[in-house]
Amino acid sequence: MRSRIVRFVAGALVLIGLVLGYFVNEYWFILTAFVGVNLFQSSMTKWCLLEDILTSSGIKD
């Protein structure tokens, strides 16, 4: 369940960043870049802050 939530949040933030960057201000593309860097870092280190937050809030795998 945690991994589905993490993927959902990452996908939603990418889409939100793209829409806001296109329609509002190009600085919103930084959000998309941040999510991409976080996904890359997570794949290299096998650590994700959101996953730790979900674990501490009681959401099981």
PDB file of N, CA and C in Angstrom:
ATOM      1  N   MET A   1       0.821  -1.196   0.000  1.00  0.00           N
ATOM      2  CA  MET A   1       0.000   0.000   0.000  1.00  0.00           C
ATOM      3  C   MET A   1       0.865   1.261   0.000  1.00  0.00           C
ATOM      4  N   ARG A   2       1.953   1.239   0.797  1.00  0.00           N
ATOM      5  CA  ARG A   2       2.830   2.407   0.857  1.00  0.00           C
ATOM      6  C   ARG A   2       3.418   2.735  -0.501  1.00  0.00           C
ATOM      7  N   SER A   3       3.888   1.712  -1.218  1.00  0.00           N
ATOM      8  CA  SER A   3       4.527   1.978  -2.503  1.00  0.00           C
ATOM      9  C   SER A   3       3.526   2.545  -3.508  1.00  0.00           C
ATOM     10  N   ARG A   4       2.269   2.119  -3.433  1.00  0.00           N
ATOM     11  CA  ARG A   4       1.242   2.690  -4.318  1.00  0.00           C
ATOM     12  C   ARG A   4       1.006   4.151  -3.994  1.00  0.00           C
ATOM     13  N   ILE A   5       0.986   4.486  -2.716  1.00  0.00           N
ATOM     14  CA  ILE A   5       0.784   5.878  -2.309  1.00  0.00           C
ATOM     15  C   ILE A   5       1.957   6.727  -2.761  1.00  0.00           C
ATOM     16  N   VAL A   6       3.174   6.216  -2.588  1.00  0.00           N
ATOM     17  CA  VAL A   6       4.369   6.965  -3.001  1.00  0.00           C
ATOM     18  C   VAL A   6       4.339   7.221  -4.497  1.00  0.00           C
ATOM     19  N   ARG A   7       4.012   6.203  -5.291  1.00  0.00           N
ATOM     20  CA  ARG A   7       3.947   6.380  -6.744  1.00  0.00           C
ATOM     21  C   ARG A   7       2.836   7.348  -7.136  1.00  0.00           C
ATOM     22  N   PHE A   8       1.689   7.267  -6.455  1.00  0.00           N
ATOM     23  CA  PHE A   8       0.585   8.177  -6.742  1.00  0.00           C
ATOM     24  C   PHE A   8       0.977   9.627  -6.465  1.00  0.00           C
ATOM     25  N   VAL A   9       1.579   9.861  -5.301  1.00  0.00           N
ATOM     26  CA  VAL A   9       1.975  11.226  -4.934  1.00  0.00           C
ATOM     27  C   VAL A   9       3.025  11.754  -5.909  1.00  0.00           C
ATOM     28  N   ALA A  10       4.008  10.928  -6.264  1.00  0.00           N
ATOM     29  CA  ALA A  10       5.036  11.363  -7.210  1.00  0.00           C
ATOM     30  C   ALA A  10       4.418  11.701  -8.564  1.00  0.00           C
ATOM     31  N   GLY A  11       3.546  10.850  -9.066  1.00  0.00           N
ATOM     32  CA  GLY A  11       2.897  11.117 -10.341  1.00  0.00           C
ATOM     33  C   GLY A  11       2.025  12.356 -10.301  1.00  0.00           C
ATOM     34  N   ALA A  12       1.284  12.514  -9.219  1.00  0.00           N
ATOM     35  CA  ALA A  12       0.421  13.687  -9.087  1.00  0.00           C
ATOM     36  C   ALA A  12       1.249  14.970  -9.024  1.00  0.00           C
ATOM     37  N   LEU A  13       2.361  14.956  -8.287  1.00  0.00           N
ATOM     38  CA  LEU A  13       3.199  16.150  -8.202  1.00  0.00           C
ATOM     39  C   LEU A  13       3.840  16.490  -9.538  1.00  0.00           C
ATOM     40  N   VAL A  14       4.227  15.474 -10.312  1.00  0.00           N
ATOM     41  CA  VAL A  14       4.781  15.730 -11.645  1.00  0.00           C
ATOM     42  C   VAL A  14       3.731  16.382 -12.534  1.00  0.00           C
ATOM     43  N   LEU A  15       2.523  15.828 -12.553  1.00  0.00           N
ATOM     44  CA  LEU A  15       1.465  16.397 -13.386  1.00  0.00           C
ATOM     45  C   LEU A  15       1.079  17.806 -12.934  1.00  0.00           C
ATOM     46  N   ILE A  16       0.988  18.011 -11.631  1.00  0.00           N
ATOM     47  CA  ILE A  16       0.656  19.343 -11.107  1.00  0.00           C
ATOM     48  C   ILE A  16       1.744  20.342 -11.482  1.00  0.00           C
ATOM     49  N   GLY A  17       3.010  19.936 -11.341  1.00  0.00           N
ATOM     50  CA  GLY A  17       4.113  20.819 -11.707  1.00  0.00           C
ATOM     51  C   GLY A  17       4.113  21.172 -13.181  1.00  0.00           C
ATOM     52  N   LEU A  18       3.792  20.210 -14.037  1.00  0.00           N
ATOM     53  CA  LEU A  18       3.732  20.476 -15.479  1.00  0.00           C
ATOM     54  C   LEU A  18       2.592  21.430 -15.831  1.00  0.00           C
ATOM     55  N   VAL A  19       1.414  21.188 -15.259  1.00  0.00           N
ATOM     56  CA  VAL A  19       0.269  22.051 -15.553  1.00  0.00           C
ATOM     57  C   VAL A  19       0.506  23.465 -15.051  1.00  0.00           C
ATOM     58  N   LEU A  20       0.978  23.586 -13.819  1.00  0.00           N
ATOM     59  CA  LEU A  20       1.238  24.917 -13.275  1.00  0.00           C
ATOM     60  C   LEU A  20       2.371  25.617 -14.026  1.00  0.00           C
ATOM     61  N   GLY A  21       3.391  24.857 -14.421  1.00  0.00           N
ATOM     62  CA  GLY A  21       4.481  25.447 -15.182  1.00  0.00           C
ATOM     63  C   GLY A  21       4.038  25.945 -16.540  1.00  0.00           C
ATOM     64  N   TYR A  22       3.113  25.267 -17.154  1.00  0.00           N
ATOM     65  CA  TYR A  22       2.633  25.669 -18.475  1.00  0.00           C
ATOM     66  C   TYR A  22       1.656  26.849 -18.396  1.00  0.00           C
ATOM     67  N   PHE A  23       0.728  26.801 -17.434  1.00  0.00           N
ATOM     68  CA  PHE A  23      -0.330  27.801 -17.379  1.00  0.00           C
ATOM     69  C   PHE A  23      -0.051  28.973 -16.438  1.00  0.00           C
ATOM     70  N   VAL A  24       0.773  28.786 -15.414  1.00  0.00           N
ATOM     71  CA  VAL A  24       0.938  29.837 -14.404  1.00  0.00           C
ATOM     72  C   VAL A  24       2.300  30.515 -14.534  1.00  0.00           C
ATOM     73  N   ASN A  25       3.345  29.754 -14.257  1.00  0.00           N
ATOM     74  CA  ASN A  25       4.692  30.338 -14.262  1.00  0.00           C
ATOM     75  C   ASN A  25       5.686  29.212 -14.479  1.00  0.00           C
ATOM     76  N   GLU A  26       6.719  29.464 -15.277  1.00  0.00           N
ATOM     77  CA  GLU A  26       7.677  28.409 -15.593  1.00  0.00           C
ATOM     78  C   GLU A  26       8.496  27.944 -14.389  1.00  0.00           C
ATOM     79  N   TYR A  27       8.494  28.694 -13.321  1.00  0.00           N
ATOM     80  CA  TYR A  27       9.215  28.264 -12.128  1.00  0.00           C
ATOM     81  C   TYR A  27       8.593  27.023 -11.479  1.00  0.00           C
ATOM     82  N   TRP A  28       7.345  26.726 -11.810  1.00  0.00           N
ATOM     83  CA  TRP A  28       6.702  25.516 -11.285  1.00  0.00           C
ATOM     84  C   TRP A  28       7.340  24.258 -11.841  1.00  0.00           C
ATOM     85  N   PHE A  29       8.082  24.363 -12.945  1.00  0.00           N
ATOM     86  CA  PHE A  29       8.786  23.197 -13.473  1.00  0.00           C
ATOM     87  C   PHE A  29       9.859  22.704 -12.497  1.00  0.00           C
ATOM     88  N   ILE A  30      10.258  23.565 -11.574  1.00  0.00           N
ATOM     89  CA  ILE A  30      11.213  23.162 -10.534  1.00  0.00           C
ATOM     90  C   ILE A  30      10.618  22.045  -9.687  1.00  0.00           C
ATOM     91  N   LEU A  31       9.310  22.085  -9.448  1.00  0.00           N
ATOM     92  CA  LEU A  31       8.642  21.016  -8.689  1.00  0.00           C
ATOM     93  C   LEU A  31       8.805  19.680  -9.406  1.00  0.00           C
ATOM     94  N   THR A  32       8.610  19.677 -10.716  1.00  0.00           N
ATOM     95  CA  THR A  32       8.775  18.457 -11.499  1.00  0.00           C
ATOM     96  C   THR A  32      10.214  17.958 -11.419  1.00  0.00           C
ATOM     97  N   ALA A  33      11.168  18.875 -11.521  1.00  0.00           N
ATOM     98  CA  ALA A  33      12.580  18.497 -11.420  1.00  0.00           C
ATOM     99  C   ALA A  33      12.897  17.943 -10.030  1.00  0.00           C
ATOM    100  N   PHE A  34      12.338  18.549  -8.987  1.00  0.00           N
ATOM    101  CA  PHE A  34      12.574  18.075  -7.627  1.00  0.00           C
ATOM    102  C   PHE A  34      12.062  16.655  -7.445  1.00  0.00           C
ATOM    103  N   VAL A  35      10.878  16.373  -7.967  1.00  0.00           N
ATOM    104  CA  VAL A  35      10.319  15.027  -7.856  1.00  0.00           C
ATOM    105  C   VAL A  35      11.203  14.036  -8.605  1.00  0.00           C
ATOM    106  N   GLY A  36      11.675  14.415  -9.786  1.00  0.00           N
ATOM    107  CA  GLY A  36      12.565  13.537 -10.551  1.00  0.00           C
ATOM    108  C   GLY A  36      13.860  13.255  -9.828  1.00  0.00           C
ATOM    109  N   VAL A  37      14.454  14.278  -9.235  1.00  0.00           N
ATOM    110  CA  VAL A  37      15.695  14.090  -8.471  1.00  0.00           C
ATOM    111  C   VAL A  37      15.440  13.208  -7.263  1.00  0.00           C
ATOM    112  N   ASN A  38      14.304  13.405  -6.599  1.00  0.00           N
ATOM    113  CA  ASN A  38      13.968  12.584  -5.436  1.00  0.00           C
ATOM    114  C   ASN A  38      13.770  11.130  -5.835  1.00  0.00           C
ATOM    115  N   LEU A  39      13.117  10.873  -6.963  1.00  0.00           N
ATOM    116  CA  LEU A  39      12.940   9.500  -7.436  1.00  0.00           C
ATOM    117  C   LEU A  39      14.293   8.862  -7.769  1.00  0.00           C
ATOM    118  N   PHE A  40      15.168   9.630  -8.399  1.00  0.00           N
ATOM    119  CA  PHE A  40      16.505   9.126  -8.719  1.00  0.00           C
ATOM    120  C   PHE A  40      17.274   8.802  -7.442  1.00  0.00           C
ATOM    121  N   GLN A  41      17.252   9.723  -6.483  1.00  0.00           N
ATOM    122  CA  GLN A  41      17.939   9.508  -5.207  1.00  0.00           C
ATOM    123  C   GLN A  41      17.377   8.301  -4.491  1.00  0.00           C
ATOM    124  N   SER A  42      16.066   8.152  -4.521  1.00  0.00           N
ATOM    125  CA  SER A  42      15.421   7.025  -3.853  1.00  0.00           C
ATOM    126  C   SER A  42      15.824   5.692  -4.483  1.00  0.00           C
ATOM    127  N   SER A  43      15.974   5.673  -5.795  1.00  0.00           N
ATOM    128  CA  SER A  43      16.377   4.426  -6.453  1.00  0.00           C
ATOM    129  C   SER A  43      17.825   4.066  -6.137  1.00  0.00           C
ATOM    130  N   MET A  44      18.651   5.059  -5.890  1.00  0.00           N
ATOM    131  CA  MET A  44      20.066   4.795  -5.596  1.00  0.00           C
ATOM    132  C   MET A  44      20.286   4.417  -4.129  1.00  0.00           C
ATOM    133  N   THR A  45      19.565   5.066  -3.219  1.00  0.00           N
ATOM    134  CA  THR A  45      19.814   4.864  -1.793  1.00  0.00           C
ATOM    135  C   THR A  45      18.795   3.941  -1.128  1.00  0.00           C
ATOM    136  N   LYS A  46      17.706   3.637  -1.813  1.00  0.00           N
ATOM    137  CA  LYS A  46      16.613   2.825  -1.257  1.00  0.00           C
ATOM    138  C   LYS A  46      16.011   3.465  -0.008  1.00  0.00           C
ATOM    139  N   TRP A  47      15.995   4.815   0.026  1.00  0.00           N
ATOM    140  CA  TRP A  47      15.402   5.559   1.127  1.00  0.00           C
ATOM    141  C   TRP A  47      14.487   6.627   0.558  1.00  0.00           C
ATOM    142  N   CYS A  48      13.287   6.741   1.128  1.00  0.00           N
ATOM    143  CA  CYS A  48      12.310   7.727   0.682  1.00  0.00           C
ATOM    144  C   CYS A  48      11.661   8.342   1.921  1.00  0.00           C
ATOM    145  N   LEU A  49      11.705   9.656   2.008  1.00  0.00           N
ATOM    146  CA  LEU A  49      11.146  10.350   3.163  1.00  0.00           C
ATOM    147  C   LEU A  49       9.644  10.107   3.281  1.00  0.00           C
ATOM    148  N   LEU A  50       8.930  10.169   2.165  1.00  0.00           N
ATOM    149  CA  LEU A  50       7.477   9.938   2.212  1.00  0.00           C
ATOM    150  C   LEU A  50       7.161   8.545   2.720  1.00  0.00           C
ATOM    151  N   GLU A  51       7.944   7.568   2.331  1.00  0.00           N
ATOM    152  CA  GLU A  51       7.712   6.205   2.812  1.00  0.00           C
ATOM    153  C   GLU A  51       7.919   6.122   4.321  1.00  0.00           C
ATOM    154  N   ASP A  52       8.931   6.820   4.832  1.00  0.00           N
ATOM    155  CA  ASP A  52       9.141   6.860   6.286  1.00  0.00           C
ATOM    156  C   ASP A  52       7.974   7.549   6.992  1.00  0.00           C
ATOM    157  N   ILE A  53       7.458   8.615   6.401  1.00  0.00           N
ATOM    158  CA  ILE A  53       6.327   9.311   7.001  1.00  0.00           C
ATOM    159  C   ILE A  53       5.097   8.426   7.022  1.00  0.00           C
ATOM    160  N   LEU A  54       4.864   7.721   5.927  1.00  0.00           N
ATOM    161  CA  LEU A  54       3.706   6.811   5.884  1.00  0.00           C
ATOM    162  C   LEU A  54       3.857   5.654   6.871  1.00  0.00           C
ATOM    163  N   THR A  55       5.084   5.148   7.026  1.00  0.00           N
ATOM    164  CA  THR A  55       5.328   4.081   7.985  1.00  0.00           C
ATOM    165  C   THR A  55       5.050   4.560   9.410  1.00  0.00           C
ATOM    166  N   SER A  56       5.542   5.748   9.741  1.00  0.00           N
ATOM    167  CA  SER A  56       5.342   6.266  11.101  1.00  0.00           C
ATOM    168  C   SER A  56       3.891   6.631  11.367  1.00  0.00           C
ATOM    169  N   SER A  57       3.123   6.897  10.310  1.00  0.00           N
ATOM    170  CA  SER A  57       1.713   7.200  10.513  1.00  0.00           C
ATOM    171  C   SER A  57       0.843   5.947  10.561  1.00  0.00           C
ATOM    172  N   GLY A  58       1.462   4.783  10.426  1.00  0.00           N
ATOM    173  CA  GLY A  58       0.734   3.539  10.627  1.00  0.00           C
ATOM    174  C   GLY A  58       0.222   2.864   9.373  1.00  0.00           C
ATOM    175  N   ILE A  59       0.610   3.341   8.208  1.00  0.00           N
ATOM    176  CA  ILE A  59       0.165   2.710   6.962  1.00  0.00           C
ATOM    177  C   ILE A  59       1.063   1.504   6.682  1.00  0.00           C
ATOM    178  N   LYS A  60       0.437   0.356   6.532  1.00  0.00           N
ATOM    179  CA  LYS A  60       1.198  -0.887   6.349  1.00  0.00           C
ATOM    180  C   LYS A  60       1.460  -1.142   4.882  1.00  0.00           C
ATOM    181  N   ASP A  61       2.428  -2.015   4.625  1.00  0.00           N
ATOM    182  CA  ASP A  61       2.827  -2.347   3.265  1.00  0.00           C
ATOM    183  C   ASP A  61       1.828  -3.110   2.529  1.00  0.00           C
TER     184      ASP A  61
END
